[in-house]
Amino acid sequence: MSKYTVSIQTTSNPKIIKFEANLILTRNSSFEYANIDEAKNSPLAQQLFHLPFVKKVYLSGNFVALERFDIVEWADVQDAVALQIENYLNKGGEVILETETKKVPVTVYAESTPNPAVLKFVCNKKLVTSFVEFTSIDEAKDSPLASELFHFPFVKSVFIDENYVSVTKYEVADWNDITMELREFMKNFLEKGKDVINNEAILKSQKSTEQLDADFEALDDISKEIVNILEEYVKPAVASDGGNIQFESYDPSTKNVRVILQGACSGCPSSTFTLKNGIENMLKEMLKDKVETVEAING
């Protein structure tokens, strides 16, 4: 079964298009090439330069961005290019030839959340392609970063999404005493180019995402409306606080909605009440008589 899937993402520049992979392609740096000679350390970029319309290749994180010459329009060739990149990756083709692990500049800063037990550590690079949460060292076996974080005795749970890590601590520790230690640990870990999460775990997560998509299609119309409202209006605000929210169920007989709180939202003394009432008021307003109550459950 193929590990890699590649999707097409347009950009604000009509000459540049992004081919986004479901797994991280380059961990240590970003690369830009203007011709095949410059791309000596990237077999993937060299192959792409054999396409006569490719002007520039840019590799970073989980995507390949290509700039074209005017001899074609992306609409005419983008599907074929996406398939070529996907096939190349699934045949084990190398993206970047790195003879040694380079130490690259990484910045990590700590950000408070509404949950006093959770601190959000924001990085200047993409960490994962989809969120993951671990509540014990056993669960974290597929994440080298989370596994090492659990070796700190005060770490209770770890939530990783996009470019940040939310750490939940036990009460025994004070953030003033441990924040710098955690920040420096994460900075050093990322600068060494270590894996944040193994590809196998990402694929498991994506399979569960595919299952979620299938589950969404099986929902009734009101449940679908609720999910769409949560995705558009609630999740972005929750993510900025280092957390996540998931729809669990809707009971049409009681008009009760159940949601699961994750990351910084889970166990937060204020967010459970605030989110419950905020979501409840929003759903009541937007769906009129279809929703009466919202039940928030800690993940």
C-alpha atoms as a PDB file:
ATOM      1  CA  MET A   1       0.000   0.000   0.000  1.00  0.00           C
ATOM      2  CA  SER A   2       1.299   3.465  -0.905  1.00  0.00           C
ATOM      3  CA  LYS A   3       2.555   5.548   2.021  1.00  0.00           C
ATOM      4  CA  TYR A   4       2.628   8.895   0.284  1.00  0.00           C
ATOM      5  CA  THR A   5      -0.274  10.850  -1.114  1.00  0.00           C
ATOM      6  CA  VAL A   6       0.194  14.210  -2.835  1.00  0.00           C
ATOM      7  CA  SER A   7      -2.452  16.928  -3.128  1.00  0.00           C
ATOM      8  CA  ILE A   8      -2.422  20.086  -5.231  1.00  0.00           C
ATOM      9  CA  GLN A   9      -2.554  23.490  -3.519  1.00  0.00           C
ATOM     10  CA  THR A  10      -2.802  26.737  -5.465  1.00  0.00           C
ATOM     11  CA  THR A  11      -0.930  29.871  -4.361  1.00  0.00           C
ATOM     12  CA  SER A  12      -1.442  33.611  -4.790  1.00  0.00           C
ATOM     13  CA  ASN A  13       1.076  33.503  -7.647  1.00  0.00           C
ATOM     14  CA  PRO A  14      -0.468  31.836 -10.750  1.00  0.00           C
ATOM     15  CA  LYS A  15       2.972  30.656 -11.869  1.00  0.00           C
ATOM     16  CA  ILE A  16       3.662  28.795  -8.602  1.00  0.00           C
ATOM     17  CA  ILE A  17       1.828  25.740  -7.339  1.00  0.00           C
ATOM     18  CA  LYS A  18       2.363  23.578  -4.253  1.00  0.00           C
ATOM     19  CA  PHE A  19       2.292  19.794  -4.167  1.00  0.00           C
ATOM     20  CA  GLU A  20       1.604  18.890  -0.545  1.00  0.00           C
ATOM     21  CA  ALA A  21       2.506  15.444   0.812  1.00  0.00           C
ATOM     22  CA  ASN A  22       0.881  13.713   3.762  1.00  0.00           C
ATOM     23  CA  LEU A  23       4.316  13.134   5.336  1.00  0.00           C
ATOM     24  CA  ILE A  24       7.263  15.418   6.091  1.00  0.00           C
ATOM     25  CA  LEU A  25       9.765  15.492   3.193  1.00  0.00           C
ATOM     26  CA  THR A  26      12.591  17.681   4.559  1.00  0.00           C
ATOM     27  CA  ARG A  27      13.231  17.891   8.293  1.00  0.00           C
ATOM     28  CA  ASN A  28      16.304  20.064   8.629  1.00  0.00           C
ATOM     29  CA  SER A  29      15.944  22.948   6.221  1.00  0.00           C
ATOM     30  CA  SER A  30      14.247  24.479   3.190  1.00  0.00           C
ATOM     31  CA  PHE A  31      15.797  24.314  -0.278  1.00  0.00           C
ATOM     32  CA  GLU A  32      15.400  26.421  -3.411  1.00  0.00           C
ATOM     33  CA  TYR A  33      16.836  25.546  -6.827  1.00  0.00           C
ATOM     34  CA  ALA A  34      16.880  27.630 -10.017  1.00  0.00           C
ATOM     35  CA  ASN A  35      18.328  24.906 -12.258  1.00  0.00           C
ATOM     36  CA  ILE A  36      19.386  21.250 -12.363  1.00  0.00           C
ATOM     37  CA  ASP A  37      23.033  22.025 -11.458  1.00  0.00           C
ATOM     38  CA  GLU A  38      21.975  23.739  -8.230  1.00  0.00           C
ATOM     39  CA  ALA A  39      19.874  20.671  -7.384  1.00  0.00           C
ATOM     40  CA  LYS A  40      22.799  18.247  -7.067  1.00  0.00           C
ATOM     41  CA  ASN A  41      21.810  17.344  -3.524  1.00  0.00           C
ATOM     42  CA  SER A  42      18.162  16.686  -4.419  1.00  0.00           C
ATOM     43  CA  PRO A  43      17.353  13.738  -6.717  1.00  0.00           C
ATOM     44  CA  LEU A  44      13.672  14.724  -6.592  1.00  0.00           C
ATOM     45  CA  ALA A  45      14.369  18.295  -7.737  1.00  0.00           C
ATOM     46  CA  GLN A  46      16.670  17.032 -10.480  1.00  0.00           C
ATOM     47  CA  GLN A  47      13.945  14.768 -11.802  1.00  0.00           C
ATOM     48  CA  LEU A  48      11.444  17.641 -11.790  1.00  0.00           C
ATOM     49  CA  PHE A  49      13.848  19.835 -13.787  1.00  0.00           C
ATOM     50  CA  HIS A  50      13.571  17.299 -16.619  1.00  0.00           C
ATOM     51  CA  LEU A  51      10.072  18.693 -17.137  1.00  0.00           C
ATOM     52  CA  PRO A  52      10.646  21.502 -19.678  1.00  0.00           C
ATOM     53  CA  PHE A  53       8.176  23.876 -18.036  1.00  0.00           C
ATOM     54  CA  VAL A  54       9.770  23.803 -14.553  1.00  0.00           C
ATOM     55  CA  LYS A  55      11.603  27.066 -13.798  1.00  0.00           C
ATOM     56  CA  LYS A  56      12.255  26.743 -10.033  1.00  0.00           C
ATOM     57  CA  VAL A  57      11.878  24.052  -7.364  1.00  0.00           C
ATOM     58  CA  TYR A  58      11.328  24.805  -3.674  1.00  0.00           C
ATOM     59  CA  LEU A  59      11.327  22.067  -1.001  1.00  0.00           C
ATOM     60  CA  SER A  60      10.220  22.648   2.584  1.00  0.00           C
ATOM     61  CA  GLY A  61       8.517  20.607   5.272  1.00  0.00           C
ATOM     62  CA  ASN A  62       5.857  18.488   3.610  1.00  0.00           C
ATOM     63  CA  PHE A  63       5.582  20.205   0.242  1.00  0.00           C
ATOM     64  CA  VAL A  64       7.221  20.799  -3.116  1.00  0.00           C
ATOM     65  CA  ALA A  65       6.530  24.168  -4.753  1.00  0.00           C
ATOM     66  CA  LEU A  66       7.176  24.601  -8.476  1.00  0.00           C
ATOM     67  CA  GLU A  67       7.400  27.756 -10.538  1.00  0.00           C
ATOM     68  CA  ARG A  68       6.621  27.293 -14.252  1.00  0.00           C
ATOM     69  CA  PHE A  69       7.681  28.929 -17.478  1.00  0.00           C
ATOM     70  CA  ASP A  70       4.894  30.445 -19.584  1.00  0.00           C
ATOM     71  CA  ILE A  71       4.853  27.596 -22.128  1.00  0.00           C
ATOM     72  CA  VAL A  72       2.099  25.776 -20.148  1.00  0.00           C
ATOM     73  CA  GLU A  73      -0.737  26.441 -17.726  1.00  0.00           C
ATOM     74  CA  TRP A  74      -0.767  24.520 -14.448  1.00  0.00           C
ATOM     75  CA  ALA A  75      -4.305  23.317 -15.123  1.00  0.00           C
ATOM     76  CA  ASP A  76      -2.988  21.299 -18.070  1.00  0.00           C
ATOM     77  CA  VAL A  77      -0.118  19.517 -16.279  1.00  0.00           C
ATOM     78  CA  GLN A  78      -0.606  19.678 -12.481  1.00  0.00           C
ATOM     79  CA  ASP A  79      -2.357  16.297 -12.117  1.00  0.00           C
ATOM     80  CA  ALA A  80       0.414  14.522 -14.018  1.00  0.00           C
ATOM     81  CA  VAL A  81       3.101  16.256 -11.935  1.00  0.00           C
ATOM     82  CA  ALA A  82       1.357  15.358  -8.666  1.00  0.00           C
ATOM     83  CA  LEU A  83       1.205  11.708  -9.767  1.00  0.00           C
ATOM     84  CA  GLN A  84       4.874  11.769 -10.800  1.00  0.00           C
ATOM     85  CA  ILE A  85       5.941  13.111  -7.379  1.00  0.00           C
ATOM     86  CA  GLU A  86       3.717  10.609  -5.563  1.00  0.00           C
ATOM     87  CA  ASN A  87       5.062   7.651  -7.555  1.00  0.00           C
ATOM     88  CA  TYR A  88       8.647   8.827  -7.041  1.00  0.00           C
ATOM     89  CA  LEU A  89       8.204   8.998  -3.266  1.00  0.00           C
ATOM     90  CA  ASN A  90       6.419   5.659  -3.014  1.00  0.00           C
ATOM     91  CA  LYS A  91       9.224   3.953  -4.947  1.00  0.00           C
ATOM     92  CA  GLY A  92      11.651   5.108  -2.259  1.00  0.00           C
ATOM     93  CA  GLY A  93      13.126   8.022  -4.200  1.00  0.00           C
ATOM     94  CA  GLU A  94      15.319  10.340  -2.160  1.00  0.00           C
ATOM     95  CA  VAL A  95      14.255  13.940  -1.611  1.00  0.00           C
ATOM     96  CA  ILE A  96      17.474  15.383  -0.184  1.00  0.00           C
ATOM     97  CA  LEU A  97      20.937  13.806   0.042  1.00  0.00           C
ATOM     98  CA  GLU A  98      22.293  14.746   3.457  1.00  0.00           C
ATOM     99  CA  THR A  99      25.684  13.308   4.338  1.00  0.00           C
ATOM    100  CA  GLU A 100      25.421  14.550   7.897  1.00  0.00           C
ATOM    101  CA  THR A 101      22.735  15.884  10.183  1.00  0.00           C
ATOM    102  CA  LYS A 102      22.908  19.639  10.044  1.00  0.00           C
ATOM    103  CA  LYS A 103      22.168  21.810  13.021  1.00  0.00           C
ATOM    104  CA  VAL A 104      19.742  24.418  11.736  1.00  0.00           C
ATOM    105  CA  PRO A 105      18.405  27.487  13.536  1.00  0.00           C
ATOM    106  CA  VAL A 106      15.199  26.700  15.390  1.00  0.00           C
ATOM    107  CA  THR A 107      13.251  29.082  17.580  1.00  0.00           C
ATOM    108  CA  VAL A 108      10.875  27.900  20.289  1.00  0.00           C
ATOM    109  CA  TYR A 109       8.892  30.230  22.505  1.00  0.00           C
ATOM    110  CA  ALA A 110       6.453  29.502  25.313  1.00  0.00           C
ATOM    111  CA  GLU A 111       2.902  30.813  25.237  1.00  0.00           C
ATOM    112  CA  SER A 112       0.374  30.679  28.055  1.00  0.00           C
ATOM    113  CA  THR A 113      -3.042  29.057  27.558  1.00  0.00           C
ATOM    114  CA  PRO A 114      -6.370  29.428  29.396  1.00  0.00           C
ATOM    115  CA  ASN A 115      -5.482  26.197  31.189  1.00  0.00           C
ATOM    116  CA  PRO A 116      -2.966  26.913  34.004  1.00  0.00           C
ATOM    117  CA  ALA A 117      -1.705  23.319  33.768  1.00  0.00           C
ATOM    118  CA  VAL A 118      -0.826  23.656  30.062  1.00  0.00           C
ATOM    119  CA  LEU A 119       1.856  25.642  28.267  1.00  0.00           C
ATOM    120  CA  LYS A 120       2.111  25.934  24.479  1.00  0.00           C
ATOM    121  CA  PHE A 121       5.591  25.771  22.899  1.00  0.00           C
ATOM    122  CA  VAL A 122       5.510  27.340  19.419  1.00  0.00           C
ATOM    123  CA  CYS A 123       8.218  26.526  16.827  1.00  0.00           C
ATOM    124  CA  ASN A 124       9.282  28.236  13.615  1.00  0.00           C
ATOM    125  CA  LYS A 125       8.911  25.023  11.605  1.00  0.00           C
ATOM    126  CA  LYS A 126       6.180  22.534  10.764  1.00  0.00           C
ATOM    127  CA  LEU A 127       6.216  19.582  13.151  1.00  0.00           C
ATOM    128  CA  VAL A 128       3.368  17.325  12.015  1.00  0.00           C
ATOM    129  CA  THR A 129       0.818  17.146   9.205  1.00  0.00           C
ATOM    130  CA  SER A 130      -2.058  16.243  11.550  1.00  0.00           C
ATOM    131  CA  PHE A 131      -2.512  16.576  15.314  1.00  0.00           C
ATOM    132  CA  VAL A 132      -1.619  13.817  17.784  1.00  0.00           C
ATOM    133  CA  GLU A 133      -2.149  13.520  21.537  1.00  0.00           C
ATOM    134  CA  PHE A 134      -0.394  11.281  24.071  1.00  0.00           C
ATOM    135  CA  THR A 135      -1.404  10.808  27.704  1.00  0.00           C
ATOM    136  CA  SER A 136       1.321   8.313  28.679  1.00  0.00           C
ATOM    137  CA  ILE A 137       4.788   7.173  27.637  1.00  0.00           C
ATOM    138  CA  ASP A 138       3.294   3.895  26.357  1.00  0.00           C
ATOM    139  CA  GLU A 139       1.031   5.785  23.957  1.00  0.00           C
ATOM    140  CA  ALA A 140       3.993   7.897  22.804  1.00  0.00           C
ATOM    141  CA  LYS A 141       6.151   5.039  21.485  1.00  0.00           C
ATOM    142  CA  ASP A 142       5.702   6.255  17.883  1.00  0.00           C
ATOM    143  CA  SER A 143       6.774   9.816  18.757  1.00  0.00           C
ATOM    144  CA  PRO A 144      10.447  10.269  19.718  1.00  0.00           C
ATOM    145  CA  LEU A 145       9.738  13.850  20.852  1.00  0.00           C
ATOM    146  CA  ALA A 146       6.789  12.927  23.073  1.00  0.00           C
ATOM    147  CA  SER A 147       8.632   9.867  24.429  1.00  0.00           C
ATOM    148  CA  GLU A 148      11.562  12.019  25.556  1.00  0.00           C
ATOM    149  CA  LEU A 149       9.241  14.646  27.026  1.00  0.00           C
ATOM    150  CA  PHE A 150       7.646  11.962  29.216  1.00  0.00           C
ATOM    151  CA  HIS A 151      11.053  11.372  30.792  1.00  0.00           C
ATOM    152  CA  PHE A 152      10.540  14.689  32.576  1.00  0.00           C
ATOM    153  CA  PRO A 153       8.700  13.613  35.750  1.00  0.00           C
ATOM    154  CA  PHE A 154       6.383  16.623  35.677  1.00  0.00           C
ATOM    155  CA  VAL A 155       4.988  15.973  32.144  1.00  0.00           C
ATOM    156  CA  LYS A 156       1.455  14.578  32.274  1.00  0.00           C
ATOM    157  CA  SER A 157       0.399  14.695  28.589  1.00  0.00           C
ATOM    158  CA  VAL A 158       1.616  15.969  25.213  1.00  0.00           C
ATOM    159  CA  PHE A 159      -0.431  17.394  22.335  1.00  0.00           C
ATOM    160  CA  ILE A 160       1.328  18.155  19.013  1.00  0.00           C
ATOM    161  CA  ASP A 161      -0.214  20.068  16.114  1.00  0.00           C
ATOM    162  CA  GLU A 162       1.163  21.944  13.082  1.00  0.00           C
ATOM    163  CA  ASN A 163       3.969  24.064  14.602  1.00  0.00           C
ATOM    164  CA  TYR A 164       3.437  23.743  18.355  1.00  0.00           C
ATOM    165  CA  VAL A 165       3.550  21.358  21.318  1.00  0.00           C
ATOM    166  CA  SER A 166       1.134  21.722  24.231  1.00  0.00           C
ATOM    167  CA  VAL A 167       2.513  20.215  27.436  1.00  0.00           C
ATOM    168  CA  THR A 168       0.289  19.437  30.416  1.00  0.00           C
ATOM    169  CA  LYS A 169       2.139  19.277  33.758  1.00  0.00           C
ATOM    170  CA  TYR A 170       1.438  17.701  37.107  1.00  0.00           C
ATOM    171  CA  GLU A 171       0.696  20.079  39.994  1.00  0.00           C
ATOM    172  CA  VAL A 172       3.990  19.239  41.702  1.00  0.00           C
ATOM    173  CA  ALA A 173       5.883  21.541  39.294  1.00  0.00           C
ATOM    174  CA  ASP A 174       5.673  25.279  38.699  1.00  0.00           C
ATOM    175  CA  TRP A 175       5.978  26.693  35.177  1.00  0.00           C
ATOM    176  CA  ASN A 176       8.460  29.314  36.391  1.00  0.00           C
ATOM    177  CA  ASP A 177      10.858  26.504  37.303  1.00  0.00           C
ATOM    178  CA  ILE A 178      10.493  24.254  34.245  1.00  0.00           C
ATOM    179  CA  THR A 179       9.578  26.397  31.219  1.00  0.00           C
ATOM    180  CA  MET A 180      13.168  27.254  30.232  1.00  0.00           C
ATOM    181  CA  GLU A 181      14.253  23.626  30.628  1.00  0.00           C
ATOM    182  CA  LEU A 182      11.456  22.371  28.347  1.00  0.00           C
ATOM    183  CA  ARG A 183      12.008  25.131  25.786  1.00  0.00           C
ATOM    184  CA  GLU A 184      15.751  24.412  25.537  1.00  0.00           C
ATOM    185  CA  PHE A 185      15.119  20.671  25.310  1.00  0.00           C
ATOM    186  CA  MET A 186      12.695  21.087  22.397  1.00  0.00           C
ATOM    187  CA  LYS A 187      14.994  23.557  20.644  1.00  0.00           C
ATOM    188  CA  ASN A 188      17.971  21.176  20.858  1.00  0.00           C
ATOM    189  CA  PHE A 189      15.844  18.179  19.834  1.00  0.00           C
ATOM    190  CA  LEU A 190      14.579  19.934  16.679  1.00  0.00           C
ATOM    191  CA  GLU A 191      17.957  21.429  15.761  1.00  0.00           C
ATOM    192  CA  LYS A 192      19.429  17.921  15.641  1.00  0.00           C
ATOM    193  CA  GLY A 193      16.843  17.002  12.993  1.00  0.00           C
ATOM    194  CA  LYS A 194      15.301  14.218  15.083  1.00  0.00           C
ATOM    195  CA  ASP A 195      11.897  12.825  14.126  1.00  0.00           C
ATOM    196  CA  VAL A 196       8.983  14.417  15.944  1.00  0.00           C
ATOM    197  CA  ILE A 197       6.780  11.470  15.030  1.00  0.00           C
ATOM    198  CA  ASN A 198       7.391   8.295  13.036  1.00  0.00           C
ATOM    199  CA  ASN A 199       5.795   7.995   9.611  1.00  0.00           C
ATOM    200  CA  GLU A 200       3.893   4.905  10.771  1.00  0.00           C
ATOM    201  CA  ALA A 201       2.134   6.952  13.436  1.00  0.00           C
ATOM    202  CA  ILE A 202       1.292   9.702  10.926  1.00  0.00           C
ATOM    203  CA  LEU A 203      -0.222   7.115   8.611  1.00  0.00           C
ATOM    204  CA  LYS A 204      -2.257   5.668  11.480  1.00  0.00           C
ATOM    205  CA  SER A 205      -3.506   9.164  12.255  1.00  0.00           C
ATOM    206  CA  GLN A 206      -4.405   9.755   8.611  1.00  0.00           C
ATOM    207  CA  LYS A 207      -6.270   6.448   8.470  1.00  0.00           C
ATOM    208  CA  SER A 208      -8.284   7.636  11.440  1.00  0.00           C
ATOM    209  CA  THR A 209      -8.836  10.922   9.563  1.00  0.00           C
ATOM    210  CA  GLU A 210     -10.144   8.951   6.592  1.00  0.00           C
ATOM    211  CA  GLN A 211     -12.421   7.100   9.003  1.00  0.00           C
ATOM    212  CA  LEU A 212     -13.611  10.432  10.393  1.00  0.00           C
ATOM    213  CA  ASP A 213     -14.473  11.541   6.857  1.00  0.00           C
ATOM    214  CA  ALA A 214     -16.442   8.346   6.347  1.00  0.00           C
ATOM    215  CA  ASP A 215     -18.154   8.848   9.710  1.00  0.00           C
ATOM    216  CA  PHE A 216     -19.062  12.417   8.707  1.00  0.00           C
ATOM    217  CA  GLU A 217     -20.809  11.208   5.565  1.00  0.00           C
ATOM    218  CA  ALA A 218     -22.827   8.784   7.684  1.00  0.00           C
ATOM    219  CA  LEU A 219     -24.083  11.553  10.006  1.00  0.00           C
ATOM    220  CA  ASP A 220     -27.573  13.018   9.885  1.00  0.00           C
ATOM    221  CA  ASP A 221     -27.986  16.509   8.413  1.00  0.00           C
ATOM    222  CA  ILE A 222     -28.119  18.329  11.789  1.00  0.00           C
ATOM    223  CA  SER A 223     -24.947  16.596  13.015  1.00  0.00           C
ATOM    224  CA  LYS A 224     -23.194  17.626   9.799  1.00  0.00           C
ATOM    225  CA  GLU A 225     -24.255  21.228  10.388  1.00  0.00           C
ATOM    226  CA  ILE A 226     -22.885  21.059  13.943  1.00  0.00           C
ATOM    227  CA  VAL A 227     -19.541  19.652  12.746  1.00  0.00           C
ATOM    228  CA  ASN A 228     -19.233  22.368  10.089  1.00  0.00           C
ATOM    229  CA  ILE A 229     -19.945  25.118  12.646  1.00  0.00           C
ATOM    230  CA  LEU A 230     -17.324  23.690  15.021  1.00  0.00           C
ATOM    231  CA  GLU A 231     -14.751  23.467  12.210  1.00  0.00           C
ATOM    232  CA  GLU A 232     -15.330  27.011  10.964  1.00  0.00           C
ATOM    233  CA  TYR A 233     -16.009  29.028  14.117  1.00  0.00           C
ATOM    234  CA  VAL A 234     -14.681  27.130  17.133  1.00  0.00           C
ATOM    235  CA  LYS A 235     -11.610  25.088  16.166  1.00  0.00           C
ATOM    236  CA  PRO A 236      -9.438  28.014  14.967  1.00  0.00           C
ATOM    237  CA  ALA A 237      -9.897  29.856  18.277  1.00  0.00           C
ATOM    238  CA  VAL A 238      -9.294  26.687  20.281  1.00  0.00           C
ATOM    239  CA  ALA A 239      -6.140  25.867  18.276  1.00  0.00           C
ATOM    240  CA  SER A 240      -4.695  29.304  19.031  1.00  0.00           C
ATOM    241  CA  ASP A 241      -4.922  28.359  22.719  1.00  0.00           C
ATOM    242  CA  GLY A 242      -3.106  25.058  22.139  1.00  0.00           C
ATOM    243  CA  GLY A 243      -6.119  22.774  22.099  1.00  0.00           C
ATOM    244  CA  ASN A 244      -8.613  20.964  19.927  1.00  0.00           C
ATOM    245  CA  ILE A 245     -12.305  20.125  19.964  1.00  0.00           C
ATOM    246  CA  GLN A 246     -14.031  17.154  18.365  1.00  0.00           C
ATOM    247  CA  PHE A 247     -17.694  16.412  17.779  1.00  0.00           C
ATOM    248  CA  GLU A 248     -18.786  13.155  19.403  1.00  0.00           C
ATOM    249  CA  SER A 249     -22.573  12.897  19.086  1.00  0.00           C
ATOM    250  CA  TYR A 250     -25.943  14.598  18.705  1.00  0.00           C
ATOM    251  CA  ASP A 251     -29.150  13.244  20.227  1.00  0.00           C
ATOM    252  CA  PRO A 252     -32.198  14.550  18.337  1.00  0.00           C
ATOM    253  CA  SER A 253     -34.578  13.436  21.097  1.00  0.00           C
ATOM    254  CA  THR A 254     -32.871  15.468  23.844  1.00  0.00           C
ATOM    255  CA  LYS A 255     -31.223  17.977  21.449  1.00  0.00           C
ATOM    256  CA  ASN A 256     -27.958  17.373  23.348  1.00  0.00           C
ATOM    257  CA  VAL A 257     -24.532  17.742  21.696  1.00  0.00           C
ATOM    258  CA  ARG A 258     -21.430  16.004  23.071  1.00  0.00           C
ATOM    259  CA  VAL A 259     -17.953  17.353  22.247  1.00  0.00           C
ATOM    260  CA  ILE A 260     -14.482  16.151  23.281  1.00  0.00           C
ATOM    261  CA  LEU A 261     -11.859  18.646  24.503  1.00  0.00           C
ATOM    262  CA  GLN A 262      -8.179  17.900  23.786  1.00  0.00           C
ATOM    263  CA  GLY A 263      -4.801  19.494  24.418  1.00  0.00           C
ATOM    264  CA  ALA A 264      -4.940  22.671  26.503  1.00  0.00           C
ATOM    265  CA  CYS A 265      -8.738  22.492  26.594  1.00  0.00           C
ATOM    266  CA  SER A 266      -8.800  19.116  28.325  1.00  0.00           C
ATOM    267  CA  GLY A 267      -9.167  19.489  32.066  1.00  0.00           C
ATOM    268  CA  CYS A 268      -9.082  23.265  31.936  1.00  0.00           C
ATOM    269  CA  PRO A 269     -11.093  24.714  34.849  1.00  0.00           C
ATOM    270  CA  SER A 270     -12.368  27.636  32.792  1.00  0.00           C
ATOM    271  CA  SER A 271     -12.498  26.324  29.235  1.00  0.00           C
ATOM    272  CA  THR A 272     -14.918  23.496  29.983  1.00  0.00           C
ATOM    273  CA  PHE A 273     -17.477  25.999  31.233  1.00  0.00           C
ATOM    274  CA  THR A 274     -16.603  28.786  28.776  1.00  0.00           C
ATOM    275  CA  LEU A 275     -16.485  26.541  25.723  1.00  0.00           C
ATOM    276  CA  LYS A 276     -19.593  24.647  26.717  1.00  0.00           C
ATOM    277  CA  ASN A 277     -21.588  27.819  27.109  1.00  0.00           C
ATOM    278  CA  GLY A 278     -19.985  29.554  24.129  1.00  0.00           C
ATOM    279  CA  ILE A 279     -20.641  26.609  21.824  1.00  0.00           C
ATOM    280  CA  GLU A 280     -24.069  26.094  23.325  1.00  0.00           C
ATOM    281  CA  ASN A 281     -25.089  29.708  22.658  1.00  0.00           C
ATOM    282  CA  MET A 282     -23.624  29.621  19.150  1.00  0.00           C
ATOM    283  CA  LEU A 283     -25.369  26.389  18.189  1.00  0.00           C
ATOM    284  CA  LYS A 284     -28.649  27.562  19.686  1.00  0.00           C
ATOM    285  CA  GLU A 285     -28.411  30.782  17.708  1.00  0.00           C
ATOM    286  CA  MET A 286     -27.324  29.220  14.418  1.00  0.00           C
ATOM    287  CA  LEU A 287     -29.489  26.094  14.540  1.00  0.00           C
ATOM    288  CA  LYS A 288     -32.466  27.623  16.337  1.00  0.00           C
ATOM    289  CA  ASP A 289     -34.615  24.917  17.974  1.00  0.00           C
ATOM    290  CA  LYS A 290     -32.381  21.987  17.043  1.00  0.00           C
ATOM    291  CA  VAL A 291     -29.930  22.275  19.975  1.00  0.00           C
ATOM    292  CA  GLU A 292     -30.692  22.694  23.693  1.00  0.00           C
ATOM    293  CA  THR A 293     -27.537  21.677  25.552  1.00  0.00           C
ATOM    294  CA  VAL A 294     -23.839  20.950  24.945  1.00  0.00           C
ATOM    295  CA  GLU A 295     -21.874  18.474  27.024  1.00  0.00           C
ATOM    296  CA  ALA A 296     -18.082  18.927  27.065  1.00  0.00           C
ATOM    297  CA  ILE A 297     -15.963  15.866  27.810  1.00  0.00           C
ATOM    298  CA  ASN A 298     -12.234  15.921  28.572  1.00  0.00           C
ATOM    299  CA  GLY A 299     -10.222  13.834  26.109  1.00  0.00           C
END
